[in-house]
C-alpha atoms as a PDB file:
ATOM      1  CA  MET A   1      22.148  -1.546   1.215  1.00  0.00           C
ATOM      2  CA  GLN A   2      19.070  -3.256  -0.211  1.00  0.00           C
ATOM      3  CA  GLU A   3      15.892  -1.230  -0.744  1.00  0.00           C
ATOM      4  CA  ARG A   4      13.110  -2.465   1.581  1.00  0.00           C
ATOM      5  CA  ARG A   5      10.273  -0.456   0.076  1.00  0.00           C
ATOM      6  CA  LYS A   6       7.517  -2.279  -1.812  1.00  0.00           C
ATOM      7  CA  HIS A   7       6.684   0.850  -3.809  1.00  0.00           C
ATOM      8  CA  PRO A   8       9.305   2.920  -5.647  1.00  0.00           C
ATOM      9  CA  ARG A   9       9.600   6.460  -4.280  1.00  0.00           C
ATOM     10  CA  ILE A  10      10.235   9.362  -6.631  1.00  0.00           C
ATOM     11  CA  ILE A  11      11.156  12.982  -6.118  1.00  0.00           C
ATOM     12  CA  VAL A  12       8.518  15.428  -7.354  1.00  0.00           C
ATOM     13  CA  ASP A  13       7.731  19.121  -7.061  1.00  0.00           C
ATOM     14  CA  LEU A  14       3.952  19.447  -7.176  1.00  0.00           C
ATOM     15  CA  PRO A  15       1.444  21.786  -5.553  1.00  0.00           C
ATOM     16  CA  ALA A  16      -0.846  20.096  -3.050  1.00  0.00           C
ATOM     17  CA  THR A  17      -3.559  20.949  -0.569  1.00  0.00           C
ATOM     18  CA  VAL A  18      -3.686  19.464   2.923  1.00  0.00           C
ATOM     19  CA  ARG A  19      -6.637  19.430   5.279  1.00  0.00           C
ATOM     20  CA  PHE A  20      -5.977  18.669   8.934  1.00  0.00           C
ATOM     21  CA  SER A  21      -8.921  17.677  11.120  1.00  0.00           C
ATOM     22  CA  LEU A  22      -9.356  21.054  12.843  1.00  0.00           C
ATOM     23  CA  HIS A  23      -7.895  23.358  10.209  1.00  0.00           C
ATOM     24  CA  SER A  24      -9.088  24.638   6.879  1.00  0.00           C
ATOM     25  CA  ASP A  25      -7.233  23.828   3.678  1.00  0.00           C
ATOM     26  CA  MET A  26      -3.545  24.646   3.641  1.00  0.00           C
ATOM     27  CA  GLN A  27      -1.236  24.890   0.649  1.00  0.00           C
ATOM     28  CA  ALA A  28       1.643  22.420   0.617  1.00  0.00           C
ATOM     29  CA  ARG A  29       4.363  21.225  -1.738  1.00  0.00           C
ATOM     30  CA  LEU A  30       4.618  17.512  -2.567  1.00  0.00           C
ATOM     31  CA  ILE A  31       8.313  16.524  -2.689  1.00  0.00           C
ATOM     32  CA  GLU A  32       8.238  12.689  -2.724  1.00  0.00           C
ATOM     33  CA  LEU A  33       5.613  10.246  -3.920  1.00  0.00           C
ATOM     34  CA  SER A  34       5.012   6.494  -4.079  1.00  0.00           C
ATOM     35  CA  GLY A  35       2.055   4.183  -4.435  1.00  0.00           C
ATOM     36  CA  ALA A  36       1.886   3.915  -0.643  1.00  0.00           C
ATOM     37  CA  GLY A  37       2.611   7.406   0.632  1.00  0.00           C
ATOM     38  CA  ALA A  38       4.144  10.827   0.182  1.00  0.00           C
ATOM     39  CA  ARG A  39       6.305  13.490   1.738  1.00  0.00           C
ATOM     40  CA  PHE A  40       5.361  17.162   1.600  1.00  0.00           C
ATOM     41  CA  LEU A  41       6.403  20.599   2.837  1.00  0.00           C
ATOM     42  CA  CYS A  42       3.870  22.526   4.927  1.00  0.00           C
ATOM     43  CA  ALA A  43       3.642  25.617   7.129  1.00  0.00           C
ATOM     44  CA  LEU A  44       1.821  23.987  10.089  1.00  0.00           C
ATOM     45  CA  ALA A  45       2.908  20.816  11.874  1.00  0.00           C
ATOM     46  CA  PRO A  46       0.474  17.907  11.781  1.00  0.00           C
ATOM     47  CA  GLU A  47       0.552  15.579  14.788  1.00  0.00           C
ATOM     48  CA  ILE A  48       2.250  12.218  14.394  1.00  0.00           C
ATOM     49  CA  HIS A  49      -0.359   9.468  13.809  1.00  0.00           C
ATOM     50  CA  SER A  50      -3.037  12.030  12.948  1.00  0.00           C
ATOM     51  CA  GLU A  51      -5.145  11.624   9.836  1.00  0.00           C
ATOM     52  CA  LEU A  52      -5.278  14.217   7.070  1.00  0.00           C
ATOM     53  CA  GLU A  53      -6.510  14.597   3.519  1.00  0.00           C
ATOM     54  CA  LEU A  54      -3.937  15.218   0.777  1.00  0.00           C
ATOM     55  CA  ARG A  55      -5.127  16.564  -2.579  1.00  0.00           C
ATOM     56  CA  PHE A  56      -2.968  16.836  -5.696  1.00  0.00           C
ATOM     57  CA  SER A  57      -2.880  16.151  -9.432  1.00  0.00           C
ATOM     58  CA  LEU A  58      -0.165  14.498 -11.496  1.00  0.00           C
ATOM     59  CA  PRO A  59       1.263  16.452 -14.431  1.00  0.00           C
ATOM     60  CA  SER A  60       0.867  13.624 -16.942  1.00  0.00           C
ATOM     61  CA  ARG A  61      -2.735  12.718 -16.108  1.00  0.00           C
ATOM     62  CA  ARG A  62      -5.856  13.996 -17.811  1.00  0.00           C
ATOM     63  CA  ILE A  63      -7.154  17.295 -16.513  1.00  0.00           C
ATOM     64  CA  GLY A  64      -9.847  16.777 -13.941  1.00  0.00           C
ATOM     65  CA  HIS A  65      -8.384  13.813 -12.035  1.00  0.00           C
ATOM     66  CA  GLU A  66      -7.522  15.115  -8.603  1.00  0.00           C
ATOM     67  CA  PHE A  67      -6.302  12.676  -5.989  1.00  0.00           C
ATOM     68  CA  ARG A  68      -8.093  13.099  -2.651  1.00  0.00           C
ATOM     69  CA  LEU A  69      -6.307  10.658  -0.391  1.00  0.00           C
ATOM     70  CA  MET A  70      -6.637  10.107   3.326  1.00  0.00           C
ATOM     71  CA  ALA A  71      -3.273   9.602   4.962  1.00  0.00           C
ATOM     72  CA  ASN A  72      -1.748   8.916   8.360  1.00  0.00           C
ATOM     73  CA  VAL A  73       1.211  11.064   9.465  1.00  0.00           C
ATOM     74  CA  ARG A  74       4.225   8.805  10.101  1.00  0.00           C
ATOM     75  CA  HIS A  75       7.131  11.288  10.210  1.00  0.00           C
ATOM     76  CA  LEU A  76       7.566  14.985  10.893  1.00  0.00           C
ATOM     77  CA  PHE A  77      10.716  17.055  10.560  1.00  0.00           C
ATOM     78  CA  ASP A  78      11.140  20.667  11.603  1.00  0.00           C
ATOM     79  CA  VAL A  79      12.955  22.477   8.785  1.00  0.00           C
ATOM     80  CA  ILE A  80      12.886  25.791   7.028  1.00  0.00           C
ATOM     81  CA  ALA A  81      12.733  25.471   3.272  1.00  0.00           C
ATOM     82  CA  THR A  82      11.792  27.770   0.452  1.00  0.00           C
ATOM     83  CA  THR A  83      10.594  26.349  -2.838  1.00  0.00           C
ATOM     84  CA  GLY A  84      11.392  29.478  -4.803  1.00  0.00           C
ATOM     85  CA  LYS A  85       7.689  29.815  -5.569  1.00  0.00           C
ATOM     86  CA  GLY A  86       6.953  32.415  -2.907  1.00  0.00           C
ATOM     87  CA  ALA A  87       6.000  30.101  -0.031  1.00  0.00           C
ATOM     88  CA  ASP A  88       8.017  29.347   3.085  1.00  0.00           C
ATOM     89  CA  TYR A  89       7.549  26.011   4.783  1.00  0.00           C
ATOM     90  CA  ARG A  90       8.641  25.008   8.282  1.00  0.00           C
ATOM     91  CA  TYR A  91       7.894  21.272   8.262  1.00  0.00           C
ATOM     92  CA  VAL A  92       8.298  18.133   6.188  1.00  0.00           C
ATOM     93  CA  ALA A  93       5.628  15.517   6.841  1.00  0.00           C
ATOM     94  CA  GLY A  94       5.794  11.900   5.702  1.00  0.00           C
ATOM     95  CA  VAL A  95       2.442  10.172   5.298  1.00  0.00           C
ATOM     96  CA  GLU A  96       1.124   6.710   4.501  1.00  0.00           C
ATOM     97  CA  PHE A  97      -2.024   6.546   2.384  1.00  0.00           C
ATOM     98  CA  GLN A  98      -5.037   4.899   4.048  1.00  0.00           C
ATOM     99  CA  ASN A  99      -7.771   2.924   2.269  1.00  0.00           C
ATOM    100  CA  ILE A 100      -6.556   4.040  -1.156  1.00  0.00           C
ATOM    101  CA  GLN A 101      -8.806   2.967  -4.017  1.00  0.00           C
ATOM    102  CA  PRO A 102      -7.211   0.341  -6.317  1.00  0.00           C
ATOM    103  CA  GLN A 103      -7.512   2.588  -9.394  1.00  0.00           C
ATOM    104  CA  ASP A 104      -5.760   5.471  -7.592  1.00  0.00           C
ATOM    105  CA  ARG A 105      -2.960   3.175  -6.397  1.00  0.00           C
ATOM    106  CA  ALA A 106      -2.542   1.790  -9.925  1.00  0.00           C
ATOM    107  CA  ILE A 107      -2.229   5.319 -11.372  1.00  0.00           C
ATOM    108  CA  LEU A 108       0.335   6.311  -8.722  1.00  0.00           C
ATOM    109  CA  GLU A 109       2.362   3.121  -9.198  1.00  0.00           C
ATOM    110  CA  GLU A 110       2.352   3.558 -12.984  1.00  0.00           C
ATOM    111  CA  PHE A 111       3.447   7.207 -12.659  1.00  0.00           C
ATOM    112  CA  CYS A 112       6.261   6.351 -10.212  1.00  0.00           C
ATOM    113  CA  ALA A 113       7.458   3.356 -12.267  1.00  0.00           C
ATOM    114  CA  ALA A 114       7.588   5.497 -15.418  1.00  0.00           C
ATOM    115  CA  ALA A 115       9.600   8.170 -13.571  1.00  0.00           C
ATOM    116  CA  CYS A 116      12.043   5.516 -12.278  1.00  0.00           C
ATOM    117  CA  THR A 117      12.691   4.160 -15.789  1.00  0.00           C
ATOM    118  CA  GLN A 118      13.403   7.661 -17.118  1.00  0.00           C
ATOM    119  CA  LYS A 119      16.371   8.119 -14.748  1.00  0.00           C
END
């Protein structure tokens, strides 16, 4: 089966913070990443097609560069998963980044491409 994605997707395990429109910040766990979107574990279910803010840092980037990306929820799965880091998550949300700045997209694409070549 041929891959239809324009941006390579990689598996990651990174801490993240999510802000839903009516909720305060919530801890999450980023599990997949690409230049166009992400998938993360969370304790509360965002609504499909809702907008949220996803904040995270990449391990290979200089300290101080935190991504603060607006995203639209495209997929939601009800699961129970434990990361082994003391947090229990009930949902997996898939999001598409909205209005991402070109420099942020370039950093994400470079990070994902480098991870794909290391496989």
